[in-house]
Amino acid sequence: MRRLLIATHGRFAEGIKETLNFILGQTQAVDVICAYVEPDFDMDRVAKEQMEALSEQDELIVAADLFGGSVANKFSEYISNGNVYVITGMNLPLLIELTGSLEDDRPVEEIIAEAIESAKEGIVNVNQVLGEALDTEEDDF
């Protein structure tokens, strides 16, 4: 089984999953970790529990908020297991793409590469795009 774990500092994971559910409907194979919200939060323990819940056949895609952050760093320690994949800098287009592909038969590396490309394409300077469109219209006259 392939699962997606949204893991962030603070409540970002909770909020973005709520938005994901709003757009896609209930997402059963998507879990969240809101790190450091509770005073007694233990990242080591939480990550270990996630790993213990995985079978050898399972694949876990961890979408974390920040490259080099404690959440991403902790899950990166498990990459050598061979069934854990960590992506940082996540955004909503990335999560939509990943969630929609969780049951896909393609290799997880291919799914992740496509999702990252889609996420990058979703970051747009709208002012620039509209400015270029307006410049093109003016050139036509």
N, C-alpha and C. Protein backbone atom coordinates (compact mmCIF):
# COMPACT_ATOMS: atom_id res chain seq x y z
N MET A 1 0.84 -1.18 0.00
CA MET A 1 0.00 0.00 0.00
C MET A 1 0.89 1.24 0.00
N ARG A 2 0.48 2.22 -0.74
CA ARG A 2 1.21 3.49 -0.82
C ARG A 2 0.45 4.52 0.02
N ARG A 3 1.19 5.23 0.87
CA ARG A 3 0.57 6.25 1.72
C ARG A 3 1.29 7.57 1.56
N LEU A 4 0.57 8.63 1.86
CA LEU A 4 1.14 9.98 1.84
C LEU A 4 1.05 10.53 3.26
N LEU A 5 2.16 11.05 3.74
CA LEU A 5 2.22 11.69 5.05
C LEU A 5 2.62 13.14 4.85
N ILE A 6 1.74 14.04 5.24
CA ILE A 6 2.04 15.47 5.19
C ILE A 6 2.57 15.84 6.57
N ALA A 7 3.82 16.24 6.64
CA ALA A 7 4.47 16.49 7.93
C ALA A 7 5.08 17.89 7.92
N THR A 8 4.60 18.74 8.82
CA THR A 8 5.04 20.13 8.83
C THR A 8 5.25 20.64 10.24
N HIS A 9 5.91 21.76 10.32
CA HIS A 9 6.01 22.50 11.57
C HIS A 9 4.68 23.21 11.79
N GLY A 10 4.15 23.15 12.99
CA GLY A 10 2.89 23.81 13.28
C GLY A 10 1.71 23.11 12.60
N ARG A 11 0.64 23.83 12.42
CA ARG A 11 -0.61 23.25 11.92
C ARG A 11 -0.78 23.32 10.40
N PHE A 12 0.28 23.65 9.69
CA PHE A 12 0.22 23.75 8.23
C PHE A 12 -0.31 22.45 7.62
N ALA A 13 0.17 21.31 8.10
CA ALA A 13 -0.25 20.01 7.55
C ALA A 13 -1.75 19.81 7.69
N GLU A 14 -2.26 20.15 8.85
CA GLU A 14 -3.69 20.01 9.12
C GLU A 14 -4.51 20.87 8.17
N GLY A 15 -4.11 22.10 7.99
CA GLY A 15 -4.83 23.03 7.12
C GLY A 15 -4.79 22.62 5.66
N ILE A 16 -3.63 22.19 5.19
CA ILE A 16 -3.53 21.83 3.77
C ILE A 16 -4.25 20.52 3.49
N LYS A 17 -4.31 19.62 4.49
CA LYS A 17 -5.08 18.38 4.29
C LYS A 17 -6.57 18.71 4.23
N GLU A 18 -7.01 19.65 5.04
CA GLU A 18 -8.41 20.07 5.00
C GLU A 18 -8.75 20.61 3.61
N THR A 19 -7.87 21.39 3.04
CA THR A 19 -8.07 21.91 1.69
C THR A 19 -8.05 20.78 0.66
N LEU A 20 -7.15 19.84 0.83
CA LEU A 20 -7.07 18.66 -0.04
C LEU A 20 -8.39 17.88 -0.01
N ASN A 21 -8.93 17.68 1.19
CA ASN A 21 -10.21 16.99 1.33
C ASN A 21 -11.34 17.78 0.67
N PHE A 22 -11.29 19.10 0.77
CA PHE A 22 -12.31 19.95 0.16
C PHE A 22 -12.30 19.78 -1.36
N ILE A 23 -11.12 19.70 -1.94
CA ILE A 23 -10.98 19.60 -3.40
C ILE A 23 -11.22 18.18 -3.89
N LEU A 24 -10.65 17.18 -3.21
CA LEU A 24 -10.68 15.79 -3.70
C LEU A 24 -11.68 14.89 -2.99
N GLY A 25 -12.29 15.36 -1.92
CA GLY A 25 -13.09 14.47 -1.09
C GLY A 25 -12.18 13.85 -0.04
N GLN A 26 -12.73 13.01 0.80
CA GLN A 26 -11.95 12.40 1.88
C GLN A 26 -10.78 11.60 1.33
N THR A 27 -9.63 11.83 1.88
CA THR A 27 -8.40 11.18 1.44
C THR A 27 -7.94 10.22 2.53
N GLN A 28 -8.31 8.95 2.38
CA GLN A 28 -8.05 7.94 3.41
C GLN A 28 -6.57 7.60 3.57
N ALA A 29 -5.82 7.62 2.50
CA ALA A 29 -4.41 7.20 2.55
C ALA A 29 -3.47 8.36 2.83
N VAL A 30 -4.02 9.46 3.33
CA VAL A 30 -3.21 10.64 3.64
C VAL A 30 -3.30 10.93 5.14
N ASP A 31 -2.15 10.97 5.78
CA ASP A 31 -2.07 11.29 7.21
C ASP A 31 -1.30 12.59 7.38
N VAL A 32 -1.41 13.16 8.57
CA VAL A 32 -0.68 14.40 8.85
C VAL A 32 0.06 14.31 10.18
N ILE A 33 1.14 15.06 10.22
CA ILE A 33 1.85 15.31 11.47
C ILE A 33 2.01 16.82 11.59
N CYS A 34 1.50 17.36 12.68
CA CYS A 34 1.66 18.78 12.99
C CYS A 34 2.72 18.87 14.09
N ALA A 35 3.94 19.04 13.68
CA ALA A 35 5.07 18.96 14.61
C ALA A 35 5.15 20.18 15.52
N TYR A 36 5.49 19.90 16.76
CA TYR A 36 5.81 20.90 17.77
C TYR A 36 4.63 21.76 18.19
N VAL A 37 3.41 21.30 17.91
CA VAL A 37 2.22 22.03 18.35
C VAL A 37 1.99 21.79 19.84
N GLU A 38 2.20 20.56 20.27
CA GLU A 38 2.05 20.21 21.68
C GLU A 38 3.39 20.37 22.39
N PRO A 39 3.37 20.81 23.64
CA PRO A 39 4.64 21.04 24.35
C PRO A 39 5.49 19.78 24.52
N ASP A 40 4.86 18.62 24.58
CA ASP A 40 5.61 17.38 24.79
C ASP A 40 5.85 16.61 23.48
N PHE A 41 5.74 17.29 22.35
CA PHE A 41 5.91 16.63 21.05
C PHE A 41 7.32 16.06 20.94
N ASP A 42 7.40 14.81 20.48
CA ASP A 42 8.68 14.13 20.34
C ASP A 42 8.81 13.63 18.90
N MET A 43 9.57 14.34 18.08
CA MET A 43 9.71 14.01 16.66
C MET A 43 10.28 12.61 16.47
N ASP A 44 11.25 12.23 17.30
CA ASP A 44 11.84 10.89 17.20
C ASP A 44 10.78 9.82 17.39
N ARG A 45 9.97 9.97 18.42
CA ARG A 45 8.93 8.98 18.72
C ARG A 45 7.89 8.91 17.61
N VAL A 46 7.43 10.07 17.15
CA VAL A 46 6.40 10.13 16.11
C VAL A 46 6.90 9.49 14.81
N ALA A 47 8.12 9.80 14.42
CA ALA A 47 8.68 9.22 13.19
C ALA A 47 8.84 7.71 13.34
N LYS A 48 9.31 7.28 14.49
CA LYS A 48 9.48 5.84 14.74
C LYS A 48 8.14 5.12 14.66
N GLU A 49 7.09 5.70 15.21
CA GLU A 49 5.75 5.09 15.14
C GLU A 49 5.28 4.97 13.70
N GLN A 50 5.55 5.98 12.90
CA GLN A 50 5.18 5.93 11.48
C GLN A 50 5.90 4.78 10.78
N MET A 51 7.17 4.61 11.08
CA MET A 51 7.96 3.56 10.44
C MET A 51 7.51 2.18 10.90
N GLU A 52 7.17 2.05 12.16
CA GLU A 52 6.71 0.76 12.68
C GLU A 52 5.37 0.35 12.08
N ALA A 53 4.58 1.32 11.63
CA ALA A 53 3.28 1.04 11.03
C ALA A 53 3.40 0.57 9.58
N LEU A 54 4.60 0.71 8.99
CA LEU A 54 4.81 0.30 7.60
C LEU A 54 5.17 -1.17 7.51
N SER A 55 4.60 -1.85 6.53
CA SER A 55 5.07 -3.20 6.22
C SER A 55 6.17 -3.07 5.17
N GLU A 56 6.85 -4.14 4.87
CA GLU A 56 7.91 -4.10 3.87
C GLU A 56 7.37 -3.75 2.48
N GLN A 57 6.12 -4.10 2.21
CA GLN A 57 5.52 -3.83 0.91
C GLN A 57 4.98 -2.41 0.79
N ASP A 58 4.79 -1.74 1.92
CA ASP A 58 4.25 -0.38 1.91
C ASP A 58 5.29 0.62 1.40
N GLU A 59 4.77 1.69 0.82
CA GLU A 59 5.62 2.82 0.42
C GLU A 59 5.05 4.06 1.10
N LEU A 60 5.91 4.84 1.72
CA LEU A 60 5.50 6.06 2.39
C LEU A 60 6.15 7.25 1.72
N ILE A 61 5.31 8.14 1.21
CA ILE A 61 5.79 9.40 0.65
C ILE A 61 5.56 10.46 1.73
N VAL A 62 6.63 11.08 2.17
CA VAL A 62 6.54 12.13 3.18
C VAL A 62 6.68 13.47 2.47
N ALA A 63 5.65 14.29 2.56
CA ALA A 63 5.69 15.65 2.01
C ALA A 63 5.90 16.59 3.18
N ALA A 64 7.09 17.17 3.26
CA ALA A 64 7.45 18.05 4.36
C ALA A 64 7.52 19.49 3.88
N ASP A 65 7.45 20.39 4.83
CA ASP A 65 7.39 21.80 4.47
C ASP A 65 8.73 22.41 4.10
N LEU A 66 9.81 22.00 4.73
CA LEU A 66 11.04 22.76 4.61
C LEU A 66 12.27 21.87 4.48
N PHE A 67 13.01 22.04 3.39
CA PHE A 67 14.27 21.31 3.21
C PHE A 67 15.24 21.74 4.30
N GLY A 68 15.82 20.77 4.97
CA GLY A 68 16.76 21.08 6.05
C GLY A 68 16.08 21.29 7.39
N GLY A 69 14.76 21.28 7.41
CA GLY A 69 14.03 21.44 8.67
C GLY A 69 14.03 20.14 9.46
N SER A 70 13.73 20.24 10.72
CA SER A 70 13.81 19.07 11.60
C SER A 70 12.86 17.95 11.19
N VAL A 71 11.70 18.28 10.65
CA VAL A 71 10.73 17.26 10.24
C VAL A 71 11.28 16.48 9.05
N ALA A 72 11.71 17.17 8.02
CA ALA A 72 12.27 16.51 6.84
C ALA A 72 13.54 15.75 7.20
N ASN A 73 14.37 16.35 8.03
CA ASN A 73 15.62 15.68 8.42
C ASN A 73 15.35 14.36 9.14
N LYS A 74 14.36 14.37 10.03
CA LYS A 74 14.06 13.15 10.79
C LYS A 74 13.60 12.04 9.85
N PHE A 75 12.68 12.33 8.93
CA PHE A 75 12.20 11.29 8.02
C PHE A 75 13.26 10.89 7.00
N SER A 76 14.17 11.79 6.70
CA SER A 76 15.27 11.46 5.78
C SER A 76 16.15 10.35 6.34
N GLU A 77 16.18 10.21 7.64
CA GLU A 77 16.95 9.14 8.27
C GLU A 77 16.45 7.76 7.87
N TYR A 78 15.21 7.69 7.38
CA TYR A 78 14.59 6.40 7.03
C TYR A 78 14.62 6.10 5.54
N ILE A 79 15.19 6.98 4.73
CA ILE A 79 15.23 6.77 3.28
C ILE A 79 15.95 5.47 2.93
N SER A 80 16.96 5.14 3.69
CA SER A 80 17.73 3.93 3.40
C SER A 80 16.91 2.65 3.57
N ASN A 81 15.72 2.75 4.18
CA ASN A 81 14.84 1.58 4.29
C ASN A 81 14.39 1.10 2.91
N GLY A 82 14.39 2.00 1.94
CA GLY A 82 14.02 1.64 0.57
C GLY A 82 12.55 1.82 0.25
N ASN A 83 11.73 2.17 1.23
CA ASN A 83 10.31 2.38 0.96
C ASN A 83 9.80 3.71 1.52
N VAL A 84 10.73 4.60 1.84
CA VAL A 84 10.39 5.93 2.34
C VAL A 84 10.97 6.96 1.39
N TYR A 85 10.12 7.90 0.99
CA TYR A 85 10.50 8.94 0.02
C TYR A 85 10.13 10.29 0.63
N VAL A 86 11.08 11.20 0.70
CA VAL A 86 10.86 12.49 1.34
C VAL A 86 10.94 13.59 0.29
N ILE A 87 9.90 14.41 0.25
CA ILE A 87 9.82 15.56 -0.66
C ILE A 87 9.67 16.80 0.23
N THR A 88 10.42 17.84 -0.06
CA THR A 88 10.30 19.07 0.72
C THR A 88 9.81 20.21 -0.16
N GLY A 89 9.38 21.29 0.50
CA GLY A 89 8.88 22.44 -0.22
C GLY A 89 7.50 22.19 -0.81
N MET A 90 6.74 21.37 -0.16
CA MET A 90 5.45 20.95 -0.73
C MET A 90 4.47 22.11 -0.86
N ASN A 91 3.57 21.94 -1.82
CA ASN A 91 2.48 22.89 -2.02
C ASN A 91 1.23 22.11 -2.43
N LEU A 92 0.12 22.80 -2.56
CA LEU A 92 -1.15 22.13 -2.86
C LEU A 92 -1.14 21.39 -4.19
N PRO A 93 -0.62 21.96 -5.29
CA PRO A 93 -0.57 21.19 -6.54
C PRO A 93 0.21 19.87 -6.40
N LEU A 94 1.30 19.89 -5.66
CA LEU A 94 2.07 18.67 -5.42
C LEU A 94 1.22 17.62 -4.71
N LEU A 95 0.52 18.05 -3.67
CA LEU A 95 -0.29 17.11 -2.89
C LEU A 95 -1.47 16.58 -3.67
N ILE A 96 -2.08 17.41 -4.49
CA ILE A 96 -3.19 16.95 -5.34
C ILE A 96 -2.68 15.86 -6.28
N GLU A 97 -1.56 16.12 -6.91
CA GLU A 97 -0.97 15.16 -7.86
C GLU A 97 -0.59 13.85 -7.15
N LEU A 98 0.06 13.95 -6.01
CA LEU A 98 0.47 12.75 -5.28
C LEU A 98 -0.74 11.95 -4.80
N THR A 99 -1.71 12.64 -4.23
CA THR A 99 -2.90 11.96 -3.71
C THR A 99 -3.64 11.23 -4.83
N GLY A 100 -3.74 11.88 -5.97
CA GLY A 100 -4.42 11.26 -7.11
C GLY A 100 -3.68 10.08 -7.69
N SER A 101 -2.41 9.92 -7.33
CA SER A 101 -1.58 8.85 -7.89
C SER A 101 -1.25 7.75 -6.89
N LEU A 102 -1.80 7.81 -5.70
CA LEU A 102 -1.43 6.84 -4.66
C LEU A 102 -1.74 5.40 -5.05
N GLU A 103 -2.79 5.20 -5.82
CA GLU A 103 -3.17 3.84 -6.22
C GLU A 103 -2.65 3.47 -7.60
N ASP A 104 -1.86 4.35 -8.18
CA ASP A 104 -1.27 4.12 -9.50
C ASP A 104 -0.25 2.98 -9.43
N ASP A 105 -0.16 2.20 -10.50
CA ASP A 105 0.78 1.08 -10.55
C ASP A 105 2.20 1.49 -10.96
N ARG A 106 2.37 2.72 -11.41
CA ARG A 106 3.69 3.17 -11.84
C ARG A 106 4.66 3.21 -10.66
N PRO A 107 5.96 3.16 -10.95
CA PRO A 107 6.95 3.26 -9.87
C PRO A 107 6.80 4.59 -9.12
N VAL A 108 7.01 4.55 -7.83
CA VAL A 108 6.83 5.72 -7.00
C VAL A 108 7.76 6.86 -7.42
N GLU A 109 8.96 6.54 -7.89
CA GLU A 109 9.90 7.58 -8.32
C GLU A 109 9.33 8.37 -9.49
N GLU A 110 8.65 7.69 -10.40
CA GLU A 110 8.03 8.35 -11.56
C GLU A 110 6.88 9.25 -11.11
N ILE A 111 6.08 8.76 -10.20
CA ILE A 111 4.96 9.54 -9.67
C ILE A 111 5.47 10.80 -8.98
N ILE A 112 6.51 10.66 -8.18
CA ILE A 112 7.07 11.80 -7.47
C ILE A 112 7.65 12.82 -8.45
N ALA A 113 8.37 12.36 -9.45
CA ALA A 113 8.96 13.28 -10.45
C ALA A 113 7.87 14.08 -11.15
N GLU A 114 6.79 13.41 -11.56
CA GLU A 114 5.69 14.12 -12.23
C GLU A 114 5.02 15.10 -11.29
N ALA A 115 4.83 14.71 -10.04
CA ALA A 115 4.18 15.59 -9.08
C ALA A 115 5.03 16.83 -8.81
N ILE A 116 6.33 16.66 -8.71
CA ILE A 116 7.22 17.81 -8.49
C ILE A 116 7.16 18.75 -9.68
N GLU A 117 7.18 18.20 -10.88
CA GLU A 117 7.10 19.03 -12.08
C GLU A 117 5.79 19.81 -12.10
N SER A 118 4.70 19.14 -11.77
CA SER A 118 3.39 19.79 -11.72
C SER A 118 3.38 20.91 -10.68
N ALA A 119 4.00 20.64 -9.53
CA ALA A 119 4.05 21.64 -8.47
C ALA A 119 4.84 22.87 -8.90
N LYS A 120 5.95 22.64 -9.59
CA LYS A 120 6.75 23.76 -10.09
C LYS A 120 5.97 24.60 -11.09
N GLU A 121 5.25 23.93 -11.98
CA GLU A 121 4.47 24.64 -12.99
C GLU A 121 3.34 25.45 -12.37
N GLY A 122 2.92 25.07 -11.16
CA GLY A 122 1.85 25.78 -10.48
C GLY A 122 2.30 27.05 -9.80
N ILE A 123 3.60 27.30 -9.77
CA ILE A 123 4.12 28.53 -9.18
C ILE A 123 4.33 29.53 -10.31
N VAL A 124 3.50 30.53 -10.32
CA VAL A 124 3.45 31.46 -11.45
C VAL A 124 3.40 32.90 -10.94
N ASN A 125 4.16 33.77 -11.55
CA ASN A 125 4.06 35.20 -11.30
C ASN A 125 2.96 35.73 -12.22
N VAL A 126 1.76 35.84 -11.70
CA VAL A 126 0.60 36.20 -12.52
C VAL A 126 0.78 37.60 -13.11
N ASN A 127 1.39 38.51 -12.37
CA ASN A 127 1.62 39.86 -12.91
C ASN A 127 2.45 39.79 -14.19
N GLN A 128 3.48 38.95 -14.16
CA GLN A 128 4.35 38.82 -15.33
C GLN A 128 3.58 38.20 -16.50
N VAL A 129 2.82 37.15 -16.23
CA VAL A 129 2.06 36.49 -17.30
C VAL A 129 1.05 37.45 -17.91
N LEU A 130 0.33 38.18 -17.06
CA LEU A 130 -0.64 39.14 -17.58
C LEU A 130 0.05 40.28 -18.31
N GLY A 131 1.20 40.71 -17.79
CA GLY A 131 1.95 41.77 -18.45
C GLY A 131 2.40 41.36 -19.83
N GLU A 132 2.87 40.13 -19.97
CA GLU A 132 3.29 39.62 -21.28
C GLU A 132 2.10 39.51 -22.22
N ALA A 133 0.96 39.09 -21.69
CA ALA A 133 -0.24 38.98 -22.52
C ALA A 133 -0.68 40.36 -22.99
N LEU A 134 -0.61 41.35 -22.10
CA LEU A 134 -1.00 42.71 -22.49
C LEU A 134 -0.02 43.29 -23.51
N ASP A 135 1.28 43.02 -23.33
CA ASP A 135 2.28 43.48 -24.29
C ASP A 135 2.02 42.89 -25.67
N THR A 136 1.65 41.62 -25.72
CA THR A 136 1.37 40.94 -26.99
C THR A 136 0.15 41.56 -27.66
N GLU A 137 -0.87 41.87 -26.86
CA GLU A 137 -2.08 42.49 -27.42
C GLU A 137 -1.75 43.87 -28.01
N GLU A 138 -0.92 44.65 -27.29
CA GLU A 138 -0.55 45.97 -27.78
C GLU A 138 0.25 45.88 -29.06
N ASP A 139 1.11 44.86 -29.18
CA ASP A 139 1.91 44.67 -30.38
C ASP A 139 1.04 44.33 -31.59
N ASP A 140 -0.11 43.72 -31.33
CA ASP A 140 -1.01 43.33 -32.42
C ASP A 140 -1.70 44.54 -33.05
N PHE A 141 -1.71 45.66 -32.35
CA PHE A 141 -2.39 46.85 -32.89
C PHE A 141 -1.44 47.68 -33.64
